[in-house]
């Protein structure tokens, strides 16, 4: 059975344990990169990472961009939303559908 993890600062991730996700409180991007590799090789199918933490570990995240598993999903943290997670979702939709289907009303 696959597992789901969430990585980021404690304030951003503490509530995810109540949902059955395995939280990993990490703020150092190097440590997070090592943890990401460990989780990817350890049977985790989905890994949520706060946008703030992901900003410092882009090469590690990019390593798994084309892989089937794990799915790496960026989420806003307690410090706010940078928009990077939404852009990643938009890019994935564009690749899957073949065009931009998100209409911004213009």
C-alpha atoms as a PDB file:
ATOM      1  CA  UNK A   1       0.000   0.000   0.000  1.00  0.00           C
ATOM      2  CA  UNK A   2       1.290   3.436  -0.923  1.00  0.00           C
ATOM      3  CA  UNK A   3       1.888   6.144   1.643  1.00  0.00           C
ATOM      4  CA  UNK A   4       1.433   9.924   1.556  1.00  0.00           C
ATOM      5  CA  UNK A   5       3.863  12.403   3.114  1.00  0.00           C
ATOM      6  CA  UNK A   6       3.972  16.140   3.671  1.00  0.00           C
ATOM      7  CA  UNK A   7       7.176  18.163   4.134  1.00  0.00           C
ATOM      8  CA  UNK A   8       7.623  21.713   5.354  1.00  0.00           C
ATOM      9  CA  UNK A   9       7.856  23.876   8.434  1.00  0.00           C
ATOM     10  CA  UNK A  10       6.025  22.679  11.539  1.00  0.00           C
ATOM     11  CA  UNK A  11       3.395  25.439  11.487  1.00  0.00           C
ATOM     12  CA  UNK A  12       2.408  24.532   7.924  1.00  0.00           C
ATOM     13  CA  UNK A  13       2.199  20.754   8.240  1.00  0.00           C
ATOM     14  CA  UNK A  14       1.148  19.803  11.771  1.00  0.00           C
ATOM     15  CA  UNK A  15      -2.540  19.389  10.887  1.00  0.00           C
ATOM     16  CA  UNK A  16      -1.908  16.882   8.102  1.00  0.00           C
ATOM     17  CA  UNK A  17      -1.248  14.032  10.535  1.00  0.00           C
ATOM     18  CA  UNK A  18      -4.927  14.130  11.496  1.00  0.00           C
ATOM     19  CA  UNK A  19      -5.733  13.337   7.861  1.00  0.00           C
ATOM     20  CA  UNK A  20      -3.485  10.279   7.847  1.00  0.00           C
ATOM     21  CA  UNK A  21      -0.510  11.852   6.095  1.00  0.00           C
ATOM     22  CA  UNK A  22       2.959  11.376   7.474  1.00  0.00           C
ATOM     23  CA  UNK A  23       4.402  14.810   8.337  1.00  0.00           C
ATOM     24  CA  UNK A  24       8.114  15.625   8.138  1.00  0.00           C
ATOM     25  CA  UNK A  25       9.034  18.932   9.726  1.00  0.00           C
ATOM     26  CA  UNK A  26      11.973  20.175   7.659  1.00  0.00           C
ATOM     27  CA  UNK A  27      13.159  23.698   6.887  1.00  0.00           C
ATOM     28  CA  UNK A  28      16.627  23.056   5.444  1.00  0.00           C
ATOM     29  CA  UNK A  29      16.483  22.480   1.654  1.00  0.00           C
ATOM     30  CA  UNK A  30      19.494  20.108   1.661  1.00  0.00           C
ATOM     31  CA  UNK A  31      17.949  17.960   4.355  1.00  0.00           C
ATOM     32  CA  UNK A  32      14.650  18.110   2.469  1.00  0.00           C
ATOM     33  CA  UNK A  33      16.344  16.899  -0.715  1.00  0.00           C
ATOM     34  CA  UNK A  34      17.746  13.890   1.100  1.00  0.00           C
ATOM     35  CA  UNK A  35      14.372  13.204   2.705  1.00  0.00           C
ATOM     36  CA  UNK A  36      12.620  13.470  -0.672  1.00  0.00           C
ATOM     37  CA  UNK A  37      14.925  10.815  -2.156  1.00  0.00           C
ATOM     38  CA  UNK A  38      14.364   8.610   0.888  1.00  0.00           C
ATOM     39  CA  UNK A  39      10.592   8.940   0.642  1.00  0.00           C
ATOM     40  CA  UNK A  40      10.564   8.390  -3.119  1.00  0.00           C
ATOM     41  CA  UNK A  41      12.486   5.150  -2.682  1.00  0.00           C
ATOM     42  CA  UNK A  42      10.409   4.163   0.353  1.00  0.00           C
ATOM     43  CA  UNK A  43       7.028   3.583  -1.255  1.00  0.00           C
ATOM     44  CA  UNK A  44       5.458   7.030  -0.997  1.00  0.00           C
ATOM     45  CA  UNK A  45       3.071   7.722  -3.876  1.00  0.00           C
ATOM     46  CA  UNK A  46       2.283  11.355  -3.057  1.00  0.00           C
ATOM     47  CA  UNK A  47       4.564  13.885  -1.388  1.00  0.00           C
ATOM     48  CA  UNK A  48       3.231  17.336  -0.566  1.00  0.00           C
ATOM     49  CA  UNK A  49       5.899  20.013  -0.114  1.00  0.00           C
ATOM     50  CA  UNK A  50       5.334  23.583   1.003  1.00  0.00           C
ATOM     51  CA  UNK A  51       6.129  26.156  -1.667  1.00  0.00           C
ATOM     52  CA  UNK A  52       8.679  27.895   0.557  1.00  0.00           C
ATOM     53  CA  UNK A  53      10.655  24.688   1.102  1.00  0.00           C
ATOM     54  CA  UNK A  54      10.362  23.662  -2.546  1.00  0.00           C
ATOM     55  CA  UNK A  55      11.922  26.946  -3.674  1.00  0.00           C
ATOM     56  CA  UNK A  56      15.253  25.806  -2.262  1.00  0.00           C
ATOM     57  CA  UNK A  57      15.196  22.267  -3.651  1.00  0.00           C
ATOM     58  CA  UNK A  58      14.113  22.625  -7.276  1.00  0.00           C
ATOM     59  CA  UNK A  59      16.751  20.246  -8.720  1.00  0.00           C
ATOM     60  CA  UNK A  60      15.589  17.451  -6.430  1.00  0.00           C
ATOM     61  CA  UNK A  61      11.933  18.041  -7.299  1.00  0.00           C
ATOM     62  CA  UNK A  62      12.709  18.210 -11.024  1.00  0.00           C
ATOM     63  CA  UNK A  63      14.340  14.793 -10.774  1.00  0.00           C
ATOM     64  CA  UNK A  64      10.903  13.277 -10.188  1.00  0.00           C
ATOM     65  CA  UNK A  65       8.920  15.478 -12.594  1.00  0.00           C
ATOM     66  CA  UNK A  66       8.706  12.850 -15.333  1.00  0.00           C
ATOM     67  CA  UNK A  67       8.445   9.834 -13.041  1.00  0.00           C
ATOM     68  CA  UNK A  68       5.107   8.165 -12.455  1.00  0.00           C
ATOM     69  CA  UNK A  69       5.645   8.025  -8.726  1.00  0.00           C
ATOM     70  CA  UNK A  70       5.912   9.826  -6.460  1.00  0.00           C
ATOM     71  CA  UNK A  71       3.616  12.665  -7.392  1.00  0.00           C
ATOM     72  CA  UNK A  72       5.088  15.806  -5.870  1.00  0.00           C
ATOM     73  CA  UNK A  73       2.526  18.488  -5.154  1.00  0.00           C
ATOM     74  CA  UNK A  74       3.408  21.959  -3.932  1.00  0.00           C
ATOM     75  CA  UNK A  75       1.140  23.497  -1.330  1.00  0.00           C
ATOM     76  CA  UNK A  76       1.027  26.935   0.293  1.00  0.00           C
ATOM     77  CA  UNK A  77       2.536  27.142   3.743  1.00  0.00           C
ATOM     78  CA  UNK A  78       1.657  29.125   6.828  1.00  0.00           C
ATOM     79  CA  UNK A  79       3.668  32.045   5.453  1.00  0.00           C
ATOM     80  CA  UNK A  80       1.398  32.336   2.420  1.00  0.00           C
ATOM     81  CA  UNK A  81       0.976  31.368  -1.199  1.00  0.00           C
ATOM     82  CA  UNK A  82       3.672  32.108  -3.765  1.00  0.00           C
ATOM     83  CA  UNK A  83       1.646  30.828  -6.717  1.00  0.00           C
ATOM     84  CA  UNK A  84       4.278  28.245  -7.616  1.00  0.00           C
ATOM     85  CA  UNK A  85       1.984  25.336  -6.746  1.00  0.00           C
ATOM     86  CA  UNK A  86      -0.787  26.649  -8.969  1.00  0.00           C
ATOM     87  CA  UNK A  87       1.658  27.160 -11.830  1.00  0.00           C
ATOM     88  CA  UNK A  88       2.826  23.537 -11.471  1.00  0.00           C
ATOM     89  CA  UNK A  89      -0.767  22.306 -11.625  1.00  0.00           C
ATOM     90  CA  UNK A  90      -1.433  24.491 -14.658  1.00  0.00           C
ATOM     91  CA  UNK A  91       1.648  23.118 -16.417  1.00  0.00           C
ATOM     92  CA  UNK A  92       0.579  19.534 -15.702  1.00  0.00           C
ATOM     93  CA  UNK A  93      -2.912  20.206 -17.066  1.00  0.00           C
ATOM     94  CA  UNK A  94      -1.463  21.796 -20.200  1.00  0.00           C
ATOM     95  CA  UNK A  95       0.728  18.740 -20.773  1.00  0.00           C
ATOM     96  CA  UNK A  96      -2.141  16.323 -20.229  1.00  0.00           C
ATOM     97  CA  UNK A  97      -4.785  18.196 -22.223  1.00  0.00           C
ATOM     98  CA  UNK A  98      -2.583  19.855 -24.801  1.00  0.00           C
ATOM     99  CA  UNK A  99      -3.698  23.412 -24.124  1.00  0.00           C
ATOM    100  CA  UNK A 100      -4.306  25.961 -21.415  1.00  0.00           C
ATOM    101  CA  UNK A 101      -7.813  25.361 -20.093  1.00  0.00           C
ATOM    102  CA  UNK A 102      -7.605  27.753 -17.171  1.00  0.00           C
ATOM    103  CA  UNK A 103      -9.491  30.853 -18.212  1.00  0.00           C
ATOM    104  CA  UNK A 104      -8.739  34.006 -16.277  1.00  0.00           C
ATOM    105  CA  UNK A 105     -11.720  36.012 -17.534  1.00  0.00           C
ATOM    106  CA  UNK A 106      -9.872  38.250 -20.004  1.00  0.00           C
END
